[in-house]
Amino acid sequence: MITIILNGNKKNIEPETNLINLIEQLNLQKNSFAIAINEIFIPKSDYSSIKINENDHIEIVTAMQGG
């Protein structure tokens, strides 16, 4: 297992996990969020090719309605 920081909380995941795997594990609705790794937003087209590394800081940001 490797440890990441997901939205400010420690989380253990399997080594070699990519963003698509993480999205599936978290049961996120497709296209309802954006992901940044170590403060860099990742294009959705790259999710399957980005492997998550030990101590990565991942922020998942969802859109909010209102004003």
N, C-alpha and C. Protein backbone atom coordinates (compact mmCIF):
# COMPACT_ATOMS: atom_id res chain seq x y z
N MET A 1 0.84 -1.19 0.00
CA MET A 1 0.00 0.00 0.00
C MET A 1 0.88 1.25 0.00
N ILE A 2 0.37 2.29 -0.62
CA ILE A 2 1.03 3.59 -0.55
C ILE A 2 0.06 4.57 0.12
N THR A 3 0.61 5.62 0.69
CA THR A 3 -0.21 6.62 1.37
C THR A 3 -0.23 7.90 0.54
N ILE A 4 -1.44 8.43 0.35
CA ILE A 4 -1.63 9.72 -0.32
C ILE A 4 -2.39 10.63 0.62
N ILE A 5 -2.46 11.89 0.28
CA ILE A 5 -3.30 12.84 0.99
C ILE A 5 -4.44 13.21 0.04
N LEU A 6 -5.65 12.79 0.39
CA LEU A 6 -6.82 13.01 -0.45
C LEU A 6 -7.73 14.02 0.24
N ASN A 7 -7.85 15.20 -0.37
CA ASN A 7 -8.67 16.29 0.21
C ASN A 7 -8.31 16.52 1.67
N GLY A 8 -7.00 16.51 1.96
CA GLY A 8 -6.52 16.82 3.30
C GLY A 8 -6.47 15.65 4.27
N ASN A 9 -6.89 14.46 3.84
CA ASN A 9 -6.90 13.29 4.72
C ASN A 9 -6.01 12.19 4.16
N LYS A 10 -5.30 11.49 5.06
CA LYS A 10 -4.48 10.38 4.61
C LYS A 10 -5.36 9.23 4.13
N LYS A 11 -4.91 8.60 3.03
CA LYS A 11 -5.65 7.45 2.49
C LYS A 11 -4.63 6.47 1.94
N ASN A 12 -4.83 5.19 2.21
CA ASN A 12 -3.98 4.15 1.66
C ASN A 12 -4.62 3.58 0.41
N ILE A 13 -3.81 3.44 -0.63
CA ILE A 13 -4.28 2.86 -1.89
C ILE A 13 -3.24 1.86 -2.38
N GLU A 14 -3.63 1.06 -3.34
CA GLU A 14 -2.73 0.09 -3.93
C GLU A 14 -1.68 0.80 -4.80
N PRO A 15 -0.45 0.28 -4.79
CA PRO A 15 0.56 0.82 -5.72
C PRO A 15 0.07 0.64 -7.16
N GLU A 16 0.56 1.47 -8.04
CA GLU A 16 0.21 1.43 -9.47
C GLU A 16 -1.24 1.86 -9.74
N THR A 17 -1.87 2.52 -8.78
CA THR A 17 -3.22 3.04 -9.00
C THR A 17 -3.13 4.28 -9.89
N ASN A 18 -4.01 4.35 -10.90
CA ASN A 18 -4.06 5.58 -11.71
C ASN A 18 -5.33 6.34 -11.33
N LEU A 19 -5.52 7.50 -11.93
CA LEU A 19 -6.67 8.33 -11.55
C LEU A 19 -8.00 7.67 -11.86
N ILE A 20 -8.08 6.92 -12.96
CA ILE A 20 -9.33 6.22 -13.30
C ILE A 20 -9.66 5.22 -12.19
N ASN A 21 -8.66 4.46 -11.73
CA ASN A 21 -8.89 3.50 -10.64
C ASN A 21 -9.38 4.21 -9.38
N LEU A 22 -8.75 5.34 -9.04
CA LEU A 22 -9.15 6.08 -7.84
C LEU A 22 -10.58 6.59 -7.97
N ILE A 23 -10.94 7.11 -9.11
CA ILE A 23 -12.30 7.59 -9.35
C ILE A 23 -13.31 6.46 -9.15
N GLU A 24 -12.98 5.28 -9.67
CA GLU A 24 -13.87 4.13 -9.51
C GLU A 24 -13.98 3.73 -8.04
N GLN A 25 -12.85 3.72 -7.32
CA GLN A 25 -12.87 3.35 -5.90
C GLN A 25 -13.71 4.31 -5.08
N LEU A 26 -13.71 5.58 -5.46
CA LEU A 26 -14.45 6.61 -4.71
C LEU A 26 -15.89 6.75 -5.19
N ASN A 27 -16.28 6.01 -6.23
CA ASN A 27 -17.65 6.06 -6.78
C ASN A 27 -18.05 7.47 -7.19
N LEU A 28 -17.14 8.19 -7.83
CA LEU A 28 -17.44 9.55 -8.27
C LEU A 28 -18.23 9.53 -9.58
N GLN A 29 -19.15 10.47 -9.71
CA GLN A 29 -19.93 10.60 -10.93
C GLN A 29 -19.06 11.23 -12.00
N LYS A 30 -19.03 10.63 -13.16
CA LYS A 30 -18.21 11.12 -14.27
C LYS A 30 -18.58 12.56 -14.61
N ASN A 31 -17.56 13.37 -14.87
CA ASN A 31 -17.69 14.76 -15.31
C ASN A 31 -18.27 15.71 -14.26
N SER A 32 -18.30 15.31 -12.99
CA SER A 32 -18.85 16.20 -11.97
C SER A 32 -17.76 16.78 -11.05
N PHE A 33 -16.50 16.71 -11.49
CA PHE A 33 -15.39 17.10 -10.63
C PHE A 33 -14.16 17.43 -11.46
N ALA A 34 -13.18 18.01 -10.79
CA ALA A 34 -11.85 18.22 -11.37
C ALA A 34 -10.85 17.68 -10.35
N ILE A 35 -9.69 17.24 -10.83
CA ILE A 35 -8.68 16.68 -9.94
C ILE A 35 -7.37 17.43 -10.12
N ALA A 36 -6.76 17.77 -8.97
CA ALA A 36 -5.42 18.35 -8.96
C ALA A 36 -4.51 17.42 -8.17
N ILE A 37 -3.32 17.20 -8.69
CA ILE A 37 -2.30 16.43 -7.98
C ILE A 37 -1.14 17.38 -7.72
N ASN A 38 -0.80 17.52 -6.45
CA ASN A 38 0.28 18.42 -6.05
C ASN A 38 0.09 19.82 -6.64
N GLU A 39 -1.17 20.29 -6.56
CA GLU A 39 -1.59 21.63 -6.97
C GLU A 39 -1.59 21.86 -8.49
N ILE A 40 -1.53 20.80 -9.28
CA ILE A 40 -1.60 20.92 -10.74
C ILE A 40 -2.85 20.19 -11.21
N PHE A 41 -3.77 20.94 -11.86
CA PHE A 41 -4.98 20.31 -12.37
C PHE A 41 -4.65 19.41 -13.55
N ILE A 42 -5.27 18.24 -13.56
CA ILE A 42 -5.00 17.22 -14.56
C ILE A 42 -6.15 17.19 -15.56
N PRO A 43 -5.85 17.27 -16.87
CA PRO A 43 -6.92 17.15 -17.87
C PRO A 43 -7.57 15.77 -17.81
N LYS A 44 -8.87 15.72 -17.99
CA LYS A 44 -9.59 14.44 -17.96
C LYS A 44 -9.01 13.44 -18.96
N SER A 45 -8.51 13.92 -20.06
CA SER A 45 -7.96 13.02 -21.08
C SER A 45 -6.69 12.30 -20.59
N ASP A 46 -6.09 12.78 -19.51
CA ASP A 46 -4.86 12.16 -18.98
C ASP A 46 -5.12 11.24 -17.78
N TYR A 47 -6.36 11.14 -17.31
CA TYR A 47 -6.64 10.38 -16.09
C TYR A 47 -6.13 8.94 -16.15
N SER A 48 -6.27 8.28 -17.27
CA SER A 48 -5.87 6.87 -17.34
C SER A 48 -4.35 6.69 -17.37
N SER A 49 -3.62 7.72 -17.76
CA SER A 49 -2.17 7.58 -17.87
C SER A 49 -1.40 8.12 -16.66
N ILE A 50 -2.09 8.79 -15.73
CA ILE A 50 -1.44 9.37 -14.56
C ILE A 50 -1.45 8.36 -13.42
N LYS A 51 -0.27 7.90 -13.04
CA LYS A 51 -0.14 7.00 -11.90
C LYS A 51 0.04 7.83 -10.63
N ILE A 52 -0.59 7.39 -9.56
CA ILE A 52 -0.52 8.08 -8.28
C ILE A 52 0.69 7.57 -7.51
N ASN A 53 1.44 8.49 -6.94
CA ASN A 53 2.67 8.14 -6.22
C ASN A 53 2.53 8.37 -4.73
N GLU A 54 3.40 7.72 -3.97
CA GLU A 54 3.47 7.89 -2.52
C GLU A 54 3.53 9.37 -2.16
N ASN A 55 2.74 9.78 -1.19
CA ASN A 55 2.69 11.15 -0.67
C ASN A 55 2.13 12.19 -1.64
N ASP A 56 1.53 11.78 -2.75
CA ASP A 56 0.86 12.75 -3.62
C ASP A 56 -0.27 13.42 -2.84
N HIS A 57 -0.44 14.70 -3.06
CA HIS A 57 -1.55 15.46 -2.50
C HIS A 57 -2.59 15.62 -3.59
N ILE A 58 -3.72 14.98 -3.42
CA ILE A 58 -4.77 14.97 -4.43
C ILE A 58 -5.98 15.72 -3.90
N GLU A 59 -6.44 16.68 -4.69
CA GLU A 59 -7.65 17.42 -4.36
C GLU A 59 -8.69 17.13 -5.43
N ILE A 60 -9.86 16.75 -4.98
CA ILE A 60 -10.99 16.52 -5.89
C ILE A 60 -11.97 17.66 -5.63
N VAL A 61 -12.22 18.45 -6.66
CA VAL A 61 -13.04 19.64 -6.55
C VAL A 61 -14.32 19.43 -7.34
N THR A 62 -15.46 19.65 -6.68
CA THR A 62 -16.74 19.51 -7.36
C THR A 62 -17.36 20.89 -7.58
N ALA A 63 -18.16 20.99 -8.62
CA ALA A 63 -18.83 22.25 -8.93
C ALA A 63 -19.97 22.47 -7.94
N MET A 64 -20.18 23.73 -7.59
CA MET A 64 -21.29 24.07 -6.69
C MET A 64 -22.19 25.08 -7.39
N GLN A 65 -23.50 24.93 -7.20
CA GLN A 65 -24.45 25.88 -7.75
C GLN A 65 -24.67 27.00 -6.75
N GLY A 66 -25.11 28.10 -7.27
CA GLY A 66 -25.40 29.22 -6.38
C GLY A 66 -24.57 30.42 -6.75
N GLY A 67 -24.62 31.42 -5.93
CA GLY A 67 -23.87 32.60 -6.29
C GLY A 67 -23.62 33.52 -5.19
